[in-house]
Amino acid sequence: MSKKLHITCTINGNATEFLCEPRNSLLEALRDELKMTGAKEGCNNGNCGSCNVILDGRLVNSCLVMAAEVEGRSLTTIEGVANKESLHPIQKCFLEGAALQCGICTPGFIMATKALLEKNPHPTEHEARHFLAGNLCRCTGYDKIIRAVLESAECAGKK
């Protein structure tokens, strides 16, 4: 049995500490140790985007990041997107645009959209499709998702 690692980081703006096995992925630590189950395990090899989080401002697949790598770093998960009073505008656009079905891929798409809009507040449809190419959905056919992304950008621009 290996010795557990003590990890200190910032998650969703909160100082956080947890213990994990050296072999644990960030996804495993989030779901199993921290009970943050928003990030989903779709493929566990970095191909689907269901486990996306934002680590130090960069979109990453949490299944490909070792939990130990987040020591001293800052990450945002789907749990940190909305505030206690209301959904984030991206979440509202996805909900109102019916850009979700089974829900497995939705957290990853929302995190990817958030990362995209932080990098490029006014993406074209082509740019949005290119940026979200790392996210797979087996239910929606993508059009409603892309419309929700572009609507999110439009809503953010009105503020």
Protein backbone atom coordinates (compact mmCIF):
# COMPACT_ATOMS: atom_id res chain seq x y z
CA MET A 1 0.00 0.00 0.00
CA SER A 2 1.47 3.34 -1.03
CA LYS A 3 1.67 6.36 1.19
CA LYS A 4 -1.04 8.93 0.48
CA LEU A 5 -0.02 12.37 -0.74
CA HIS A 6 -1.21 15.53 0.97
CA ILE A 7 -2.33 18.02 -1.67
CA THR A 8 -3.06 21.69 -1.06
CA CYS A 9 -4.66 23.71 -3.83
CA THR A 10 -7.46 26.15 -4.60
CA ILE A 11 -10.68 24.71 -6.00
CA ASN A 12 -13.45 27.06 -7.08
CA GLY A 13 -11.85 29.89 -5.12
CA ASN A 14 -11.58 27.89 -1.89
CA ALA A 15 -8.36 26.69 -0.26
CA THR A 16 -8.63 22.91 -0.34
CA GLU A 17 -6.63 20.03 1.08
CA PHE A 18 -7.03 16.36 0.34
CA LEU A 19 -5.20 13.06 0.48
CA CYS A 20 -4.75 10.85 -2.56
CA GLU A 21 -2.80 7.90 -3.83
CA PRO A 22 0.19 8.85 -6.01
CA ARG A 23 -1.44 6.99 -8.93
CA ASN A 24 -4.79 8.85 -8.69
CA SER A 25 -5.90 11.10 -11.50
CA LEU A 26 -7.38 14.48 -10.73
CA LEU A 27 -10.75 13.11 -11.84
CA GLU A 28 -10.49 10.29 -9.29
CA ALA A 29 -9.50 12.72 -6.54
CA LEU A 30 -12.34 15.11 -7.38
CA ARG A 31 -14.98 12.37 -7.48
CA ASP A 32 -13.72 9.95 -4.84
CA GLU A 33 -11.85 12.07 -2.30
CA LEU A 34 -13.61 15.43 -2.59
CA LYS A 35 -17.07 14.11 -3.57
CA MET A 36 -17.26 16.61 -6.43
CA THR A 37 -19.06 14.45 -8.97
CA GLY A 38 -19.81 17.07 -11.63
CA ALA A 39 -16.88 16.07 -13.84
CA LYS A 40 -17.84 12.81 -15.49
CA GLU A 41 -15.74 9.84 -16.49
CA GLY A 42 -16.65 9.24 -20.10
CA CYS A 43 -13.61 7.61 -21.65
CA ASN A 44 -10.83 7.96 -19.04
CA ASN A 45 -8.26 8.50 -21.81
CA GLY A 46 -8.69 12.16 -22.77
CA ASN A 47 -10.86 11.70 -25.83
CA CYS A 48 -14.33 12.82 -24.74
CA GLY A 49 -14.00 16.01 -22.64
CA SER A 50 -16.63 14.94 -20.09
CA CYS A 51 -14.16 15.51 -17.25
CA ASN A 52 -12.97 18.98 -18.32
CA VAL A 53 -11.83 21.40 -15.62
CA ILE A 54 -9.93 24.67 -15.84
CA LEU A 55 -6.47 24.40 -14.27
CA ASP A 56 -4.59 27.69 -13.87
CA GLY A 57 -6.75 29.20 -16.61
CA ARG A 58 -6.28 26.34 -19.07
CA LEU A 59 -8.86 23.73 -20.07
CA VAL A 60 -7.65 20.21 -19.22
CA ASN A 61 -9.04 16.70 -19.12
CA SER A 62 -8.95 15.83 -15.43
CA CYS A 63 -8.59 12.13 -16.30
CA LEU A 64 -5.15 12.92 -17.80
CA VAL A 65 -3.84 15.09 -14.95
CA MET A 66 -2.38 13.38 -11.92
CA ALA A 67 -3.93 14.62 -8.68
CA ALA A 68 -0.44 15.37 -7.34
CA GLU A 69 0.08 17.85 -10.19
CA VAL A 70 -2.45 20.30 -8.73
CA GLU A 71 -0.32 20.96 -5.64
CA GLY A 72 -0.29 24.75 -5.13
CA ARG A 73 -2.41 25.38 -8.20
CA SER A 74 -5.88 26.73 -8.85
CA LEU A 75 -8.71 24.93 -10.58
CA THR A 76 -12.32 25.52 -11.44
CA THR A 77 -14.77 22.66 -11.72
CA ILE A 78 -18.37 22.65 -12.89
CA GLU A 79 -19.39 23.00 -9.23
CA GLY A 80 -17.73 26.42 -9.18
CA VAL A 81 -19.41 27.86 -12.27
CA ALA A 82 -22.79 28.87 -10.81
CA ASN A 83 -23.21 30.97 -7.71
CA LYS A 84 -25.60 30.14 -4.89
CA GLU A 85 -28.32 32.45 -6.20
CA SER A 86 -28.43 31.52 -9.88
CA LEU A 87 -26.99 29.58 -12.75
CA HIS A 88 -24.10 30.99 -14.74
CA PRO A 89 -25.23 32.53 -18.08
CA ILE A 90 -23.56 29.65 -19.94
CA GLN A 91 -25.60 27.16 -17.93
CA LYS A 92 -28.77 29.16 -18.58
CA CYS A 93 -28.10 29.19 -22.32
CA PHE A 94 -27.51 25.44 -22.37
CA LEU A 95 -30.70 24.83 -20.41
CA GLU A 96 -32.87 27.28 -22.36
CA GLY A 97 -31.48 26.06 -25.70
CA ALA A 98 -32.03 22.38 -24.82
CA ALA A 99 -28.33 21.78 -25.48
CA LEU A 100 -28.24 18.73 -23.26
CA GLN A 101 -29.84 15.34 -23.06
CA CYS A 102 -28.32 12.58 -20.95
CA GLY A 103 -26.00 15.00 -19.11
CA ILE A 104 -22.76 13.01 -19.22
CA CYS A 105 -21.01 15.45 -21.57
CA THR A 106 -22.76 18.64 -20.38
CA PRO A 107 -20.32 19.61 -17.57
CA GLY A 108 -17.39 19.21 -19.94
CA PHE A 109 -19.06 21.30 -22.64
CA ILE A 110 -19.90 24.03 -20.12
CA MET A 111 -16.30 24.10 -18.85
CA ALA A 112 -14.98 24.18 -22.42
CA THR A 113 -17.39 27.01 -23.26
CA LYS A 114 -16.25 28.94 -20.20
CA ALA A 115 -12.60 28.49 -21.20
CA LEU A 116 -13.37 29.50 -24.78
CA LEU A 117 -15.24 32.66 -23.80
CA GLU A 118 -12.52 33.67 -21.35
CA LYS A 119 -10.02 33.37 -24.20
CA ASN A 120 -12.24 34.63 -27.02
CA PRO A 121 -15.40 36.47 -25.87
CA HIS A 122 -16.86 36.67 -29.39
CA PRO A 123 -16.09 33.43 -31.22
CA THR A 124 -17.42 32.66 -34.67
CA GLU A 125 -19.32 29.43 -35.17
CA HIS A 126 -16.22 27.94 -36.79
CA GLU A 127 -14.03 28.96 -33.82
CA ALA A 128 -16.54 27.53 -31.34
CA ARG A 129 -16.77 24.23 -33.22
CA HIS A 130 -12.97 24.03 -33.43
CA PHE A 131 -12.47 24.79 -29.72
CA LEU A 132 -15.09 22.26 -28.64
CA ALA A 133 -13.81 19.53 -30.98
CA GLY A 134 -12.32 17.73 -27.97
CA ASN A 135 -15.77 17.20 -26.48
CA LEU A 136 -17.93 14.32 -27.59
CA CYS A 137 -21.70 14.06 -27.30
CA ARG A 138 -23.57 10.92 -28.25
CA CYS A 139 -27.06 12.43 -27.91
CA THR A 140 -27.54 15.97 -29.21
CA GLY A 141 -25.94 16.23 -32.63
CA TYR A 142 -23.97 19.35 -31.56
CA ASP A 143 -26.07 22.05 -33.26
CA LYS A 144 -27.94 23.00 -30.09
CA ILE A 145 -24.66 22.97 -28.17
CA ILE A 146 -22.99 25.34 -30.64
CA ARG A 147 -26.05 27.60 -30.60
CA ALA A 148 -25.88 27.67 -26.78
CA VAL A 149 -22.17 28.57 -26.92
CA LEU A 150 -22.80 31.44 -29.34
CA GLU A 151 -25.81 32.59 -27.30
CA SER A 152 -23.61 32.56 -24.19
CA ALA A 153 -21.13 34.83 -25.95
CA GLU A 154 -23.94 37.14 -27.01
CA CYS A 155 -25.36 37.29 -23.46
CA ALA A 156 -21.92 38.02 -22.01
CA GLY A 157 -21.47 40.83 -24.54
CA LYS A 158 -24.69 42.52 -23.41
CA LYS A 159 -23.47 42.93 -19.83
